[in-house]
């Protein structure tokens, strides 16, 4: 009797498990006509700057069978705020299951946007998947206390400093170009002034020669007149 009771209890447990499968962690299910779509992250919880992926499991509601080549006529994008990215899904070994690799670079809410058709069923739906979390919640020991006595610089501050250094470098290079252009202009002006000075010196010399020649001519004329008067 006791063995029969144990057998019946085991049978009930197996029946319960068979007809009540455990839900997929944090995945979202939508039903559109005869198409059921279950979507979410491949690795959960999703963490910022950790390589991950989006998974879609597509089956028919009427018979529970997976839909092969389900995404051939479906455009699927991942959306974060106003930013979108087209997802490149690949079939997995499990029929009706497709994954697309993605590296989430920001924490917060992401959405999978689907437009097109699956097995003749028109699809225009957006599903919000699990929020991407900061790795700090799972870090141990805290990054600030590892090996450096709390002197480790946060990655965000390093990136800001790199941006500032890049901007300063660009400004210094631009200032060097302007300074070189000013130096070239100054040199050009100096050369022009020197040329003017040489031209002025030449003109002055020529004027002195002209004055001298004129004075000599006058002197010769006076002598000639004096001789004519004596005659």
C-alpha atoms as a PDB file:
ATOM      1  CA  UNK A   1       0.000   0.000   0.000  1.00  0.00           C
ATOM      2  CA  UNK A   2       2.798   2.359   0.940  1.00  0.00           C
ATOM      3  CA  UNK A   3       4.589   1.619  -2.367  1.00  0.00           C
ATOM      4  CA  UNK A   4       1.403   2.353  -4.287  1.00  0.00           C
ATOM      5  CA  UNK A   5       1.028   5.699  -2.498  1.00  0.00           C
ATOM      6  CA  UNK A   6       4.620   6.631  -3.304  1.00  0.00           C
ATOM      7  CA  UNK A   7       4.098   5.611  -6.924  1.00  0.00           C
ATOM      8  CA  UNK A   8       0.962   7.754  -7.211  1.00  0.00           C
ATOM      9  CA  UNK A   9       2.725  10.733  -5.565  1.00  0.00           C
ATOM     10  CA  UNK A  10       5.626  10.432  -8.003  1.00  0.00           C
ATOM     11  CA  UNK A  11       3.203  10.142 -10.912  1.00  0.00           C
ATOM     12  CA  UNK A  12       1.368  13.301  -9.786  1.00  0.00           C
ATOM     13  CA  UNK A  13       4.645  15.161  -9.463  1.00  0.00           C
ATOM     14  CA  UNK A  14       5.753  14.138 -12.974  1.00  0.00           C
ATOM     15  CA  UNK A  15       2.361  15.123 -14.372  1.00  0.00           C
ATOM     16  CA  UNK A  16       2.573  18.519 -12.704  1.00  0.00           C
ATOM     17  CA  UNK A  17       6.048  19.132 -14.092  1.00  0.00           C
ATOM     18  CA  UNK A  18       5.024  17.978 -17.558  1.00  0.00           C
ATOM     19  CA  UNK A  19       2.017  20.296 -17.795  1.00  0.00           C
ATOM     20  CA  UNK A  20       3.495  23.210 -15.804  1.00  0.00           C
ATOM     21  CA  UNK A  21       6.987  23.845 -17.112  1.00  0.00           C
ATOM     22  CA  UNK A  22       9.061  26.412 -15.240  1.00  0.00           C
ATOM     23  CA  UNK A  23       8.787  29.867 -16.838  1.00  0.00           C
ATOM     24  CA  UNK A  24      11.838  31.286 -18.581  1.00  0.00           C
ATOM     25  CA  UNK A  25      13.568  33.737 -16.281  1.00  0.00           C
ATOM     26  CA  UNK A  26      12.565  37.355 -17.042  1.00  0.00           C
ATOM     27  CA  UNK A  27      11.588  36.540 -20.640  1.00  0.00           C
ATOM     28  CA  UNK A  28       8.543  38.210 -22.163  1.00  0.00           C
ATOM     29  CA  UNK A  29       5.853  36.267 -24.026  1.00  0.00           C
ATOM     30  CA  UNK A  30       3.499  37.720 -26.612  1.00  0.00           C
ATOM     31  CA  UNK A  31       0.853  35.953 -28.687  1.00  0.00           C
ATOM     32  CA  UNK A  32      -0.124  37.340 -32.086  1.00  0.00           C
ATOM     33  CA  UNK A  33      -2.702  35.236 -33.899  1.00  0.00           C
ATOM     34  CA  UNK A  34      -1.311  31.704 -34.054  1.00  0.00           C
ATOM     35  CA  UNK A  35       2.248  32.850 -33.308  1.00  0.00           C
ATOM     36  CA  UNK A  36       3.802  32.825 -29.833  1.00  0.00           C
ATOM     37  CA  UNK A  37       7.034  34.814 -29.335  1.00  0.00           C
ATOM     38  CA  UNK A  38       9.138  34.537 -26.191  1.00  0.00           C
ATOM     39  CA  UNK A  39      12.003  37.053 -26.021  1.00  0.00           C
ATOM     40  CA  UNK A  40      14.686  38.150 -23.609  1.00  0.00           C
ATOM     41  CA  UNK A  41      18.399  38.192 -22.868  1.00  0.00           C
ATOM     42  CA  UNK A  42      20.526  35.102 -23.369  1.00  0.00           C
ATOM     43  CA  UNK A  43      22.349  35.702 -20.060  1.00  0.00           C
ATOM     44  CA  UNK A  44      20.352  37.083 -17.163  1.00  0.00           C
ATOM     45  CA  UNK A  45      20.613  39.365 -15.432  1.00  0.00           C
ATOM     46  CA  UNK A  46      22.126  41.394 -18.277  1.00  0.00           C
ATOM     47  CA  UNK A  47      25.121  43.484 -17.176  1.00  0.00           C
ATOM     48  CA  UNK A  48      26.499  46.642 -18.746  1.00  0.00           C
ATOM     49  CA  UNK A  49      29.618  46.183 -20.918  1.00  0.00           C
ATOM     50  CA  UNK A  50      29.251  42.396 -20.710  1.00  0.00           C
ATOM     51  CA  UNK A  51      28.833  40.503 -24.003  1.00  0.00           C
ATOM     52  CA  UNK A  52      25.304  39.117 -24.200  1.00  0.00           C
ATOM     53  CA  UNK A  53      22.608  38.375 -26.748  1.00  0.00           C
ATOM     54  CA  UNK A  54      18.903  38.556 -27.507  1.00  0.00           C
ATOM     55  CA  UNK A  55      16.973  35.294 -27.841  1.00  0.00           C
ATOM     56  CA  UNK A  56      13.617  34.797 -29.573  1.00  0.00           C
ATOM     57  CA  UNK A  57      11.722  31.501 -29.273  1.00  0.00           C
ATOM     58  CA  UNK A  58       8.915  31.259 -31.814  1.00  0.00           C
ATOM     59  CA  UNK A  59       6.226  28.583 -31.849  1.00  0.00           C
ATOM     60  CA  UNK A  60       2.698  28.076 -33.157  1.00  0.00           C
ATOM     61  CA  UNK A  61      -0.063  28.421 -30.592  1.00  0.00           C
ATOM     62  CA  UNK A  62      -2.339  25.839 -32.201  1.00  0.00           C
ATOM     63  CA  UNK A  63       0.078  22.901 -32.061  1.00  0.00           C
ATOM     64  CA  UNK A  64       3.031  24.123 -29.977  1.00  0.00           C
ATOM     65  CA  UNK A  65       5.447  23.341 -32.803  1.00  0.00           C
ATOM     66  CA  UNK A  66       8.492  25.569 -33.427  1.00  0.00           C
ATOM     67  CA  UNK A  67       8.446  27.841 -36.484  1.00  0.00           C
ATOM     68  CA  UNK A  68      11.441  27.193 -38.708  1.00  0.00           C
ATOM     69  CA  UNK A  69      13.006  30.108 -40.631  1.00  0.00           C
ATOM     70  CA  UNK A  70      10.626  32.326 -38.689  1.00  0.00           C
ATOM     71  CA  UNK A  71      12.632  35.550 -39.060  1.00  0.00           C
ATOM     72  CA  UNK A  72      13.067  35.481 -42.842  1.00  0.00           C
ATOM     73  CA  UNK A  73      10.354  38.140 -43.288  1.00  0.00           C
ATOM     74  CA  UNK A  74      10.830  39.949 -39.983  1.00  0.00           C
ATOM     75  CA  UNK A  75      12.891  43.070 -39.234  1.00  0.00           C
ATOM     76  CA  UNK A  76      13.990  43.079 -35.597  1.00  0.00           C
ATOM     77  CA  UNK A  77      15.808  45.962 -33.911  1.00  0.00           C
ATOM     78  CA  UNK A  78      17.018  46.626 -30.395  1.00  0.00           C
ATOM     79  CA  UNK A  79      16.019  50.034 -29.051  1.00  0.00           C
ATOM     80  CA  UNK A  80      17.486  52.065 -26.172  1.00  0.00           C
ATOM     81  CA  UNK A  81      15.897  55.484 -25.873  1.00  0.00           C
ATOM     82  CA  UNK A  82      16.141  57.042 -29.336  1.00  0.00           C
ATOM     83  CA  UNK A  83      18.985  54.731 -30.430  1.00  0.00           C
ATOM     84  CA  UNK A  84      18.213  51.621 -32.500  1.00  0.00           C
ATOM     85  CA  UNK A  85      20.310  48.771 -33.890  1.00  0.00           C
ATOM     86  CA  UNK A  86      19.286  46.083 -36.351  1.00  0.00           C
ATOM     87  CA  UNK A  87      19.744  42.615 -34.851  1.00  0.00           C
ATOM     88  CA  UNK A  88      21.354  39.813 -36.857  1.00  0.00           C
ATOM     89  CA  UNK A  89      19.659  36.652 -35.607  1.00  0.00           C
ATOM     90  CA  UNK A  90      21.064  33.183 -36.168  1.00  0.00           C
ATOM     91  CA  UNK A  91      19.197  29.896 -35.579  1.00  0.00           C
ATOM     92  CA  UNK A  92      20.356  27.771 -32.653  1.00  0.00           C
ATOM     93  CA  UNK A  93      20.422  23.995 -32.274  1.00  0.00           C
ATOM     94  CA  UNK A  94      16.982  24.210 -30.682  1.00  0.00           C
ATOM     95  CA  UNK A  95      14.253  24.429 -33.328  1.00  0.00           C
ATOM     96  CA  UNK A  96      12.392  27.737 -33.335  1.00  0.00           C
ATOM     97  CA  UNK A  97      15.070  29.464 -31.240  1.00  0.00           C
ATOM     98  CA  UNK A  98      17.158  32.372 -32.597  1.00  0.00           C
ATOM     99  CA  UNK A  99      19.861  34.512 -30.992  1.00  0.00           C
ATOM    100  CA  UNK A 100      21.643  37.771 -31.855  1.00  0.00           C
ATOM    101  CA  UNK A 101      24.853  38.818 -30.107  1.00  0.00           C
ATOM    102  CA  UNK A 102      24.897  42.279 -28.531  1.00  0.00           C
ATOM    103  CA  UNK A 103      27.064  44.228 -26.056  1.00  0.00           C
ATOM    104  CA  UNK A 104      24.882  46.529 -23.915  1.00  0.00           C
ATOM    105  CA  UNK A 105      26.850  49.703 -23.136  1.00  0.00           C
ATOM    106  CA  UNK A 106      24.272  51.474 -20.964  1.00  0.00           C
ATOM    107  CA  UNK A 107      22.173  50.450 -18.007  1.00  0.00           C
ATOM    108  CA  UNK A 108      18.390  50.680 -18.093  1.00  0.00           C
ATOM    109  CA  UNK A 109      15.478  49.588 -20.247  1.00  0.00           C
ATOM    110  CA  UNK A 110      15.901  47.994 -23.694  1.00  0.00           C
ATOM    111  CA  UNK A 111      13.135  47.054 -26.132  1.00  0.00           C
ATOM    112  CA  UNK A 112      12.943  44.564 -28.993  1.00  0.00           C
ATOM    113  CA  UNK A 113      10.953  45.982 -31.924  1.00  0.00           C
ATOM    114  CA  UNK A 114       9.575  43.486 -34.483  1.00  0.00           C
ATOM    115  CA  UNK A 115       7.935  44.388 -37.793  1.00  0.00           C
ATOM    116  CA  UNK A 116       7.079  42.073 -40.686  1.00  0.00           C
ATOM    117  CA  UNK A 117       5.474  38.637 -40.919  1.00  0.00           C
ATOM    118  CA  UNK A 118       5.975  35.223 -39.313  1.00  0.00           C
ATOM    119  CA  UNK A 119       4.353  32.216 -40.984  1.00  0.00           C
ATOM    120  CA  UNK A 120       1.971  34.577 -42.814  1.00  0.00           C
ATOM    121  CA  UNK A 121       0.994  36.398 -39.596  1.00  0.00           C
ATOM    122  CA  UNK A 122       1.545  40.181 -39.646  1.00  0.00           C
ATOM    123  CA  UNK A 123       3.788  41.275 -36.770  1.00  0.00           C
ATOM    124  CA  UNK A 124       4.134  44.829 -35.438  1.00  0.00           C
ATOM    125  CA  UNK A 125       5.050  44.581 -31.800  1.00  0.00           C
ATOM    126  CA  UNK A 126       7.522  45.930 -29.267  1.00  0.00           C
ATOM    127  CA  UNK A 127       8.503  44.027 -26.144  1.00  0.00           C
ATOM    128  CA  UNK A 128      10.403  45.449 -23.190  1.00  0.00           C
ATOM    129  CA  UNK A 129      13.023  43.030 -21.920  1.00  0.00           C
ATOM    130  CA  UNK A 130      14.826  42.958 -18.582  1.00  0.00           C
ATOM    131  CA  UNK A 131      16.750  46.102 -17.588  1.00  0.00           C
ATOM    132  CA  UNK A 132      20.525  46.061 -17.995  1.00  0.00           C
ATOM    133  CA  UNK A 133      22.215  46.419 -14.601  1.00  0.00           C
ATOM    134  CA  UNK A 134      25.491  47.899 -13.418  1.00  0.00           C
ATOM    135  CA  UNK A 135      28.188  45.366 -12.567  1.00  0.00           C
ATOM    136  CA  UNK A 136      28.829  47.144  -9.263  1.00  0.00           C
ATOM    137  CA  UNK A 137      25.962  45.232  -7.629  1.00  0.00           C
ATOM    138  CA  UNK A 138      27.779  41.963  -8.268  1.00  0.00           C
ATOM    139  CA  UNK A 139      31.386  43.111  -7.838  1.00  0.00           C
ATOM    140  CA  UNK A 140      33.408  41.722  -4.941  1.00  0.00           C
ATOM    141  CA  UNK A 141      35.528  43.055  -3.487  1.00  0.00           C
ATOM    142  CA  UNK A 142      34.597  46.604  -4.519  1.00  0.00           C
ATOM    143  CA  UNK A 143      36.866  47.959  -7.233  1.00  0.00           C
ATOM    144  CA  UNK A 144      37.920  50.893  -5.035  1.00  0.00           C
ATOM    145  CA  UNK A 145      39.427  48.542  -2.419  1.00  0.00           C
ATOM    146  CA  UNK A 146      41.365  46.145  -4.664  1.00  0.00           C
ATOM    147  CA  UNK A 147      45.139  46.293  -4.539  1.00  0.00           C
ATOM    148  CA  UNK A 148      45.430  50.060  -4.792  1.00  0.00           C
ATOM    149  CA  UNK A 149      44.374  51.155  -1.359  1.00  0.00           C
ATOM    150  CA  UNK A 150      41.231  52.799  -2.741  1.00  0.00           C
ATOM    151  CA  UNK A 151      43.159  54.856  -5.304  1.00  0.00           C
ATOM    152  CA  UNK A 152      41.711  53.265  -8.439  1.00  0.00           C
ATOM    153  CA  UNK A 153      40.280  55.874 -10.826  1.00  0.00           C
ATOM    154  CA  UNK A 154      36.710  55.149 -12.010  1.00  0.00           C
ATOM    155  CA  UNK A 155      36.461  54.183 -15.663  1.00  0.00           C
ATOM    156  CA  UNK A 156      34.015  57.008 -16.389  1.00  0.00           C
ATOM    157  CA  UNK A 157      36.460  59.604 -15.048  1.00  0.00           C
ATOM    158  CA  UNK A 158      39.273  58.102 -17.137  1.00  0.00           C
ATOM    159  CA  UNK A 159      37.153  58.396 -20.267  1.00  0.00           C
ATOM    160  CA  UNK A 160      36.316  62.037 -19.443  1.00  0.00           C
ATOM    161  CA  UNK A 161      40.003  62.810 -18.909  1.00  0.00           C
ATOM    162  CA  UNK A 162      40.876  61.162 -22.218  1.00  0.00           C
ATOM    163  CA  UNK A 163      38.280  63.330 -23.952  1.00  0.00           C
ATOM    164  CA  UNK A 164      39.657  66.497 -22.320  1.00  0.00           C
ATOM    165  CA  UNK A 165      43.238  65.547 -23.256  1.00  0.00           C
ATOM    166  CA  UNK A 166      42.184  64.888 -26.849  1.00  0.00           C
ATOM    167  CA  UNK A 167      40.449  68.288 -27.025  1.00  0.00           C
ATOM    168  CA  UNK A 168      43.462  70.069 -25.517  1.00  0.00           C
ATOM    169  CA  UNK A 169      45.799  68.325 -27.955  1.00  0.00           C
ATOM    170  CA  UNK A 170      43.647  69.454 -30.874  1.00  0.00           C
ATOM    171  CA  UNK A 171      43.604  73.026 -29.536  1.00  0.00           C
ATOM    172  CA  UNK A 172      47.404  73.041 -29.108  1.00  0.00           C
ATOM    173  CA  UNK A 173      47.886  71.768 -32.655  1.00  0.00           C
ATOM    174  CA  UNK A 174      45.505  74.438 -33.952  1.00  0.00           C
ATOM    175  CA  UNK A 175      47.376  77.123 -31.975  1.00  0.00           C
ATOM    176  CA  UNK A 176      50.681  75.887 -33.451  1.00  0.00           C
ATOM    177  CA  UNK A 177      49.233  76.189 -36.959  1.00  0.00           C
ATOM    178  CA  UNK A 178      47.998  79.737 -36.262  1.00  0.00           C
ATOM    179  CA  UNK A 179      51.366  80.698 -34.755  1.00  0.00           C
ATOM    180  CA  UNK A 180      53.202  79.317 -37.798  1.00  0.00           C
ATOM    181  CA  UNK A 181      50.891  81.229 -40.124  1.00  0.00           C
ATOM    182  CA  UNK A 182      51.518  84.435 -38.101  1.00  0.00           C
ATOM    183  CA  UNK A 183      55.263  83.827 -38.207  1.00  0.00           C
ATOM    184  CA  UNK A 184      55.129  83.350 -41.972  1.00  0.00           C
ATOM    185  CA  UNK A 185      53.100  86.567 -42.332  1.00  0.00           C
ATOM    186  CA  UNK A 186      55.586  88.477 -40.157  1.00  0.00           C
ATOM    187  CA  UNK A 187      58.507  87.164 -42.192  1.00  0.00           C
ATOM    188  CA  UNK A 188      56.743  88.177 -45.394  1.00  0.00           C
ATOM    189  CA  UNK A 189      56.145  91.715 -44.053  1.00  0.00           C
ATOM    190  CA  UNK A 190      59.802  91.971 -42.957  1.00  0.00           C
ATOM    191  CA  UNK A 191      60.975  90.923 -46.412  1.00  0.00           C
ATOM    192  CA  UNK A 192      58.660  93.480 -47.999  1.00  0.00           C
ATOM    193  CA  UNK A 193      59.994  96.257 -45.726  1.00  0.00           C
ATOM    194  CA  UNK A 194      63.554  95.254 -46.549  1.00  0.00           C
ATOM    195  CA  UNK A 195      62.775  95.374 -50.261  1.00  0.00           C
ATOM    196  CA  UNK A 196      61.213  98.839 -49.820  1.00  0.00           C
ATOM    197  CA  UNK A 197      64.277 100.025 -47.895  1.00  0.00           C
ATOM    198  CA  UNK A 198      66.626  98.790 -50.623  1.00  0.00           C
ATOM    199  CA  UNK A 199      64.454 100.444 -53.265  1.00  0.00           C
ATOM    200  CA  UNK A 200      64.445 103.701 -51.277  1.00  0.00           C
ATOM    201  CA  UNK A 201      68.232 103.581 -50.904  1.00  0.00           C
ATOM    202  CA  UNK A 202      68.619 103.057 -54.610  1.00  0.00           C
ATOM    203  CA  UNK A 203      66.250 105.926 -55.409  1.00  0.00           C
ATOM    204  CA  UNK A 204      68.143 108.209 -53.014  1.00  0.00           C
ATOM    205  CA  UNK A 205      71.448 107.220 -54.591  1.00  0.00           C
ATOM    206  CA  UNK A 206      70.096 107.839 -58.063  1.00  0.00           C
ATOM    207  CA  UNK A 207      68.729 111.229 -56.950  1.00  0.00           C
ATOM    208  CA  UNK A 208      72.133 112.213 -55.552  1.00  0.00           C
ATOM    209  CA  UNK A 209      73.772 111.195 -58.798  1.00  0.00           C
ATOM    210  CA  UNK A 210      71.197 113.236 -60.714  1.00  0.00           C
ATOM    211  CA  UNK A 211      71.748 116.273 -58.496  1.00  0.00           C
ATOM    212  CA  UNK A 212      75.491 115.918 -58.872  1.00  0.00           C
ATOM    213  CA  UNK A 213      75.206 115.622 -62.620  1.00  0.00           C
ATOM    214  CA  UNK A 214      72.944 118.661 -62.721  1.00  0.00           C
ATOM    215  CA  UNK A 215      75.353 120.689 -60.578  1.00  0.00           C
ATOM    216  CA  UNK A 216      78.246 119.677 -62.782  1.00  0.00           C
ATOM    217  CA  UNK A 217      76.307 120.720 -65.860  1.00  0.00           C
ATOM    218  CA  UNK A 218      75.564 124.100 -64.325  1.00  0.00           C
ATOM    219  CA  UNK A 219      79.225 124.571 -63.433  1.00  0.00           C
ATOM    220  CA  UNK A 220      80.309 123.742 -66.945  1.00  0.00           C
ATOM    221  CA  UNK A 221      77.768 126.188 -68.335  1.00  0.00           C
ATOM    222  CA  UNK A 222      78.986 128.993 -66.051  1.00  0.00           C
ATOM    223  CA  UNK A 223      82.602 128.421 -67.077  1.00  0.00           C
ATOM    224  CA  UNK A 224      81.628 128.425 -70.713  1.00  0.00           C
ATOM    225  CA  UNK A 225      79.756 131.729 -70.356  1.00  0.00           C
ATOM    226  CA  UNK A 226      82.671 133.296 -68.479  1.00  0.00           C
ATOM    227  CA  UNK A 227      85.077 132.378 -71.279  1.00  0.00           C
ATOM    228  CA  UNK A 228      82.657 133.732 -73.916  1.00  0.00           C
ATOM    229  CA  UNK A 229      82.443 137.101 -72.083  1.00  0.00           C
ATOM    230  CA  UNK A 230      86.254 137.406 -71.947  1.00  0.00           C
ATOM    231  CA  UNK A 231      86.524 136.857 -75.653  1.00  0.00           C
END
